[in-house]
N, C-alpha and C. Protein backbone atom coordinates (compact mmCIF):
# COMPACT_ATOMS: atom_id res chain seq x y z
N MET A 1 -2.34 -9.89 -27.60
CA MET A 1 -1.85 -9.66 -25.80
C MET A 1 -2.35 -9.96 -25.12
N LEU A 2 -2.51 -9.98 -24.16
CA LEU A 2 -4.00 -9.91 -22.69
C LEU A 2 -4.10 -8.45 -22.51
N PRO A 3 -6.08 -8.14 -22.51
CA PRO A 3 -6.03 -7.18 -21.66
C PRO A 3 -5.61 -6.42 -20.70
N LEU A 4 -5.55 -4.85 -20.77
CA LEU A 4 -4.56 -4.30 -19.30
C LEU A 4 -5.10 -4.96 -18.53
N SER A 5 -6.65 -6.09 -17.87
CA SER A 5 -7.37 -6.25 -16.35
C SER A 5 -6.77 -7.14 -16.59
N LYS A 6 -6.63 -8.59 -17.00
CA LYS A 6 -5.58 -9.63 -16.79
C LYS A 6 -4.75 -9.15 -16.67
N LYS A 7 -2.74 -8.40 -17.23
CA LYS A 7 -2.54 -7.34 -16.80
C LYS A 7 -2.17 -7.65 -15.60
N ILE A 8 -2.68 -6.76 -14.59
CA ILE A 8 -3.08 -6.27 -13.46
C ILE A 8 -3.52 -7.03 -12.58
N MET A 9 -4.14 -7.90 -12.83
CA MET A 9 -4.35 -8.53 -11.83
C MET A 9 -4.00 -9.16 -10.89
N SER A 10 -2.69 -10.42 -10.82
CA SER A 10 -1.66 -10.41 -9.82
C SER A 10 -1.55 -9.31 -9.15
N ARG A 11 -0.83 -8.45 -9.35
CA ARG A 11 -1.06 -7.19 -8.41
C ARG A 11 -1.56 -7.00 -8.00
N ASN A 12 -3.10 -7.10 -8.32
CA ASN A 12 -4.37 -6.66 -7.06
C ASN A 12 -4.21 -7.58 -5.47
N PHE A 13 -3.82 -8.62 -6.15
CA PHE A 13 -3.48 -9.66 -5.23
C PHE A 13 -2.37 -9.68 -3.99
N TYR A 14 -1.41 -8.97 -5.12
CA TYR A 14 0.21 -9.06 -3.16
C TYR A 14 -0.37 -7.69 -2.84
N ILE A 15 -0.86 -6.44 -3.85
CA ILE A 15 -1.37 -5.42 -2.80
C ILE A 15 -2.45 -5.77 -1.69
N LEU A 16 -2.78 -6.94 -1.89
CA LEU A 16 -4.21 -7.36 -1.27
C LEU A 16 -3.53 -8.10 0.38
N ALA A 17 -2.48 -9.01 0.05
CA ALA A 17 -1.75 -9.89 0.66
C ALA A 17 -0.84 -8.51 1.03
N GLY A 18 0.18 -7.49 1.01
CA GLY A 18 0.42 -7.08 2.05
C GLY A 18 -0.19 -6.05 2.93
N THR A 19 -0.95 -5.18 2.13
CA THR A 19 -2.36 -4.99 3.32
C THR A 19 -2.75 -6.06 4.31
N LEU A 20 -3.34 -7.19 4.20
CA LEU A 20 -3.51 -8.18 5.28
C LEU A 20 -2.29 -8.22 5.76
N GLY A 21 -1.05 -8.46 5.41
CA GLY A 21 0.16 -8.79 6.14
C GLY A 21 0.46 -7.91 6.90
N LEU A 22 -0.04 -6.34 6.05
CA LEU A 22 -0.02 -5.24 7.81
C LEU A 22 -0.58 -5.57 8.39
N PHE A 23 -2.20 -5.88 8.20
CA PHE A 23 -2.55 -4.58 9.97
C PHE A 23 -3.29 -6.55 10.14
N ALA A 24 -2.14 -8.11 9.55
CA ALA A 24 -1.81 -9.03 10.32
C ALA A 24 -1.01 -8.38 11.65
N LEU A 25 0.68 -7.47 11.17
CA LEU A 25 1.23 -6.88 12.44
C LEU A 25 0.74 -6.82 12.98
N ILE A 26 0.09 -4.84 12.41
CA ILE A 26 -1.39 -4.09 13.82
C ILE A 26 -1.26 -5.46 14.40
N SER A 27 -2.70 -6.38 14.36
CA SER A 27 -2.98 -6.43 15.35
C SER A 27 -2.20 -7.66 16.45
N ALA A 28 -1.39 -8.35 16.21
CA ALA A 28 -0.24 -9.26 16.67
C ALA A 28 0.35 -7.61 17.47
N GLY A 29 0.37 -6.44 17.18
CA GLY A 29 1.75 -5.41 18.09
C GLY A 29 -0.11 -4.74 19.18
N MET A 30 -1.05 -5.03 18.52
CA MET A 30 -1.96 -5.03 19.41
C MET A 30 -2.55 -6.12 20.84
N ALA A 31 -2.15 -7.62 20.14
CA ALA A 31 -1.74 -8.95 21.82
C ALA A 31 -1.25 -8.27 22.26
N LEU A 32 0.30 -7.18 22.36
CA LEU A 32 0.80 -6.67 23.53
C LEU A 32 1.80 -6.12 24.03
N VAL A 33 -0.03 -5.15 23.49
CA VAL A 33 -0.59 -3.23 24.32
C VAL A 33 -0.88 -3.91 25.19
N PRO A 34 0.16 -3.09 26.46
CA PRO A 34 -1.14 -3.56 27.62
C PRO A 34 -3.01 -2.50 27.72
N SER A 35 -3.93 -3.77 28.22
CA SER A 35 -5.13 -3.06 27.85
C SER A 35 -5.23 -1.38 28.60
N SER A 36 -4.75 -1.19 29.49
CA SER A 36 -4.86 0.63 30.13
C SER A 36 -4.41 1.75 28.26
N PHE A 37 -4.40 0.55 28.16
CA PHE A 37 -3.69 1.63 26.06
C PHE A 37 -4.81 1.06 25.39
N GLN A 38 -5.40 0.99 25.07
CA GLN A 38 -6.69 0.30 24.21
C GLN A 38 -8.22 0.25 25.21
N PRO A 39 -8.83 2.09 25.16
CA PRO A 39 -9.74 1.79 25.60
C PRO A 39 -10.20 2.12 25.12
N GLY A 40 -11.67 1.87 25.57
CA GLY A 40 -12.89 0.93 23.91
C GLY A 40 -12.33 0.14 23.15
N LEU A 41 -11.65 -0.76 23.21
CA LEU A 41 -10.85 -2.07 22.10
C LEU A 41 -11.04 -3.13 23.22
N PRO A 42 -11.04 -3.86 22.22
CA PRO A 42 -10.59 -5.79 22.95
C PRO A 42 -9.67 -5.94 23.70
N ALA A 43 -9.72 -6.58 25.34
CA ALA A 43 -8.57 -6.08 25.64
C ALA A 43 -7.73 -7.33 25.68
N ASN A 44 -8.71 -8.38 25.44
CA ASN A 44 -8.50 -9.67 24.78
C ASN A 44 -7.45 -10.08 23.86
N ALA A 45 -6.54 -10.38 24.40
CA ALA A 45 -5.50 -10.89 23.56
C ALA A 45 -4.81 -11.92 22.95
N SER A 46 -6.00 -13.08 23.46
CA SER A 46 -5.98 -13.94 22.25
C SER A 46 -7.09 -13.61 21.01
N LEU A 47 -8.31 -12.61 21.76
CA LEU A 47 -8.82 -12.53 20.64
C LEU A 47 -7.43 -11.35 19.82
N TRP A 48 -7.52 -10.71 19.78
CA TRP A 48 -6.23 -10.29 18.67
C TRP A 48 -5.16 -10.82 17.99
N ARG A 49 -4.76 -11.90 19.41
CA ARG A 49 -4.09 -13.53 18.59
C ARG A 49 -4.95 -13.90 16.95
N THR A 50 -5.57 -14.14 17.24
CA THR A 50 -6.47 -15.07 16.37
C THR A 50 -6.89 -13.90 15.45
N VAL A 51 -7.11 -12.73 15.39
CA VAL A 51 -7.13 -11.86 13.90
C VAL A 51 -6.28 -11.80 13.40
N ALA A 52 -5.33 -12.02 14.38
CA ALA A 52 -4.51 -11.65 13.60
C ALA A 52 -3.70 -13.34 12.72
N LEU A 53 -4.41 -14.03 13.47
CA LEU A 53 -4.22 -15.12 12.31
C LEU A 53 -4.12 -15.31 11.69
N LEU A 54 -6.19 -15.76 10.88
CA LEU A 54 -6.89 -14.66 10.77
C LEU A 54 -6.46 -14.03 9.04
N LEU A 55 -6.44 -13.24 9.71
CA LEU A 55 -5.57 -12.47 8.56
C LEU A 55 -3.86 -12.90 7.81
N LEU A 56 -2.97 -13.01 8.79
CA LEU A 56 -2.08 -13.49 7.52
C LEU A 56 -2.86 -14.65 6.81
N VAL A 57 -2.98 -15.04 7.72
CA VAL A 57 -3.55 -17.03 6.36
C VAL A 57 -4.59 -15.63 5.69
N GLY A 58 -5.83 -14.87 5.71
CA GLY A 58 -6.04 -14.89 4.73
C GLY A 58 -4.91 -14.00 3.65
N GLY A 59 -3.92 -13.73 4.51
CA GLY A 59 -2.96 -12.85 3.16
C GLY A 59 -2.00 -13.90 2.49
N LEU A 60 -1.80 -14.54 3.40
CA LEU A 60 -0.92 -15.82 2.29
C LEU A 60 -1.56 -16.49 0.58
N ALA A 61 -2.71 -16.38 1.15
CA ALA A 61 -3.89 -17.10 0.12
C ALA A 61 -3.97 -16.03 -0.74
N ALA A 62 -3.93 -14.92 -0.37
CA ALA A 62 -4.23 -13.90 -1.56
C ALA A 62 -2.78 -14.21 -1.86
N ALA A 63 -1.73 -14.07 -1.66
CA ALA A 63 -0.25 -13.96 -2.13
C ALA A 63 -0.65 -15.04 -3.32
N LEU A 64 -1.15 -16.27 -2.48
CA LEU A 64 -0.47 -17.53 -3.34
C LEU A 64 -1.29 -17.66 -4.42
N ILE A 65 -2.23 -17.07 -4.12
CA ILE A 65 -3.36 -16.57 -5.70
C ILE A 65 -2.82 -15.29 -6.89
N GLY A 66 -2.25 -14.37 -6.43
CA GLY A 66 -1.22 -13.81 -6.87
C GLY A 66 -0.20 -14.21 -7.51
N VAL A 67 0.35 -14.73 -7.14
CA VAL A 67 1.53 -15.93 -7.80
C VAL A 67 1.70 -17.35 -8.20
N LEU A 68 0.09 -17.84 -8.06
CA LEU A 68 -0.54 -18.47 -9.69
C LEU A 68 -0.83 -18.19 -10.99
N SER A 69 -1.99 -16.66 -10.68
CA SER A 69 -2.46 -15.55 -11.20
C SER A 69 -1.60 -15.39 -12.20
N HIS A 70 -0.15 -14.70 -11.48
CA HIS A 70 1.06 -14.77 -12.13
C HIS A 70 1.35 -15.27 -13.78
N LEU A 71 1.21 -17.10 -12.79
CA LEU A 71 2.35 -17.46 -13.67
C LEU A 71 1.17 -18.66 -14.81
N PHE A 72 0.37 -18.37 -14.59
CA PHE A 72 -1.06 -18.42 -15.63
C PHE A 72 -1.02 -17.53 -17.17
N GLU A 73 -1.30 -16.09 -16.11
CA GLU A 73 -0.50 -14.77 -17.25
C GLU A 73 0.57 -15.94 -17.94
N GLN A 74 1.46 -15.55 -17.93
CA GLN A 74 3.14 -15.59 -18.68
C GLN A 74 3.23 -17.75 -19.28
N MET A 75 2.27 -18.35 -18.36
CA MET A 75 1.92 -19.73 -19.43
C MET A 75 1.32 -19.08 -20.70
N ASP A 76 0.40 -18.16 -20.75
CA ASP A 76 -0.28 -18.42 -21.67
C ASP A 76 0.10 -17.11 -22.86
N ARG A 77 0.48 -16.33 -22.09
CA ARG A 77 1.05 -15.13 -23.19
C ARG A 77 3.03 -15.80 -23.73
N ARG A 78 3.47 -16.50 -23.05
CA ARG A 78 4.69 -17.44 -24.55
C ARG A 78 3.52 -18.68 -25.12
N SER A 79 2.75 -18.96 -24.58
CA SER A 79 0.91 -19.57 -26.01
C SER A 79 1.12 -19.58 -27.19
N GLU A 80 0.46 -18.00 -26.66
CA GLU A 80 0.04 -17.03 -27.58
C GLU A 80 1.33 -16.91 -28.95
N GLN A 81 2.05 -16.83 -28.00
CA GLN A 81 3.64 -15.66 -28.68
C GLN A 81 4.51 -17.40 -29.54
N ALA A 82 3.70 -18.12 -28.38
CA ALA A 82 4.66 -19.86 -29.96
C ALA A 82 3.77 -20.27 -30.70
N ARG A 83 3.10 -19.90 -30.17
CA ARG A 83 1.63 -19.92 -31.99
C ARG A 83 1.38 -18.93 -33.14
N LEU A 84 1.99 -17.89 -32.51
CA LEU A 84 1.90 -17.01 -33.27
C LEU A 84 3.54 -16.98 -34.32
N ALA A 85 4.81 -17.42 -33.80
CA ALA A 85 5.81 -17.82 -33.86
C ALA A 85 5.45 -18.84 -35.58
N ALA A 86 5.17 -20.02 -34.92
CA ALA A 86 4.85 -20.88 -35.92
C ALA A 86 3.63 -21.06 -37.33
N ARG A 87 2.94 -19.33 -36.24
CA ARG A 87 2.09 -19.41 -37.49
C ARG A 87 3.15 -18.49 -38.47
N ARG A 88 3.25 -17.76 -38.13
CA ARG A 88 4.18 -17.30 -39.63
C ARG A 88 5.27 -17.84 -39.75
N LYS A 89 5.78 -19.78 -39.46
CA LYS A 89 7.28 -20.06 -39.85
C LYS A 89 6.46 -20.82 -40.86
N ARG A 90 4.86 -21.81 -40.41
CA ARG A 90 4.12 -21.86 -41.84
C ARG A 90 3.99 -21.11 -42.79
N ARG A 91 3.73 -20.13 -42.90
CA ARG A 91 3.65 -19.22 -43.60
C ARG A 91 4.25 -18.52 -44.06
N GLY A 92 5.64 -18.85 -44.37
CA GLY A 92 7.20 -18.54 -44.94
C GLY A 92 7.77 -16.90 -44.57
N GLN A 93 6.87 -16.40 -43.33
CA GLN A 93 7.63 -14.76 -43.47
C GLN A 93 8.84 -15.18 -42.03
N PRO A 94 9.67 -14.01 -42.16
CA PRO A 94 10.28 -13.98 -41.20
C PRO A 94 10.74 -13.63 -39.54
């Protein structure tokens, strides 16, 4: 059996991807807001679009890492189960 820290590693990447995606949406929305509603914040829309793009790429990368992590966890779990089943079969246990 895998330790608990290994089981939830992909979930952490999914949470990170969702958070980065949310911040990317907020940054993209800030690019559409007029500068008069943003006192003290950068009013350059291209800056907000660039930040949104970088956050989106980071979120997609985190999602990909989460999917691959989950895939390898599942592969490891199934190979362990197959190894134990073969061992039981060799020993003649049901």
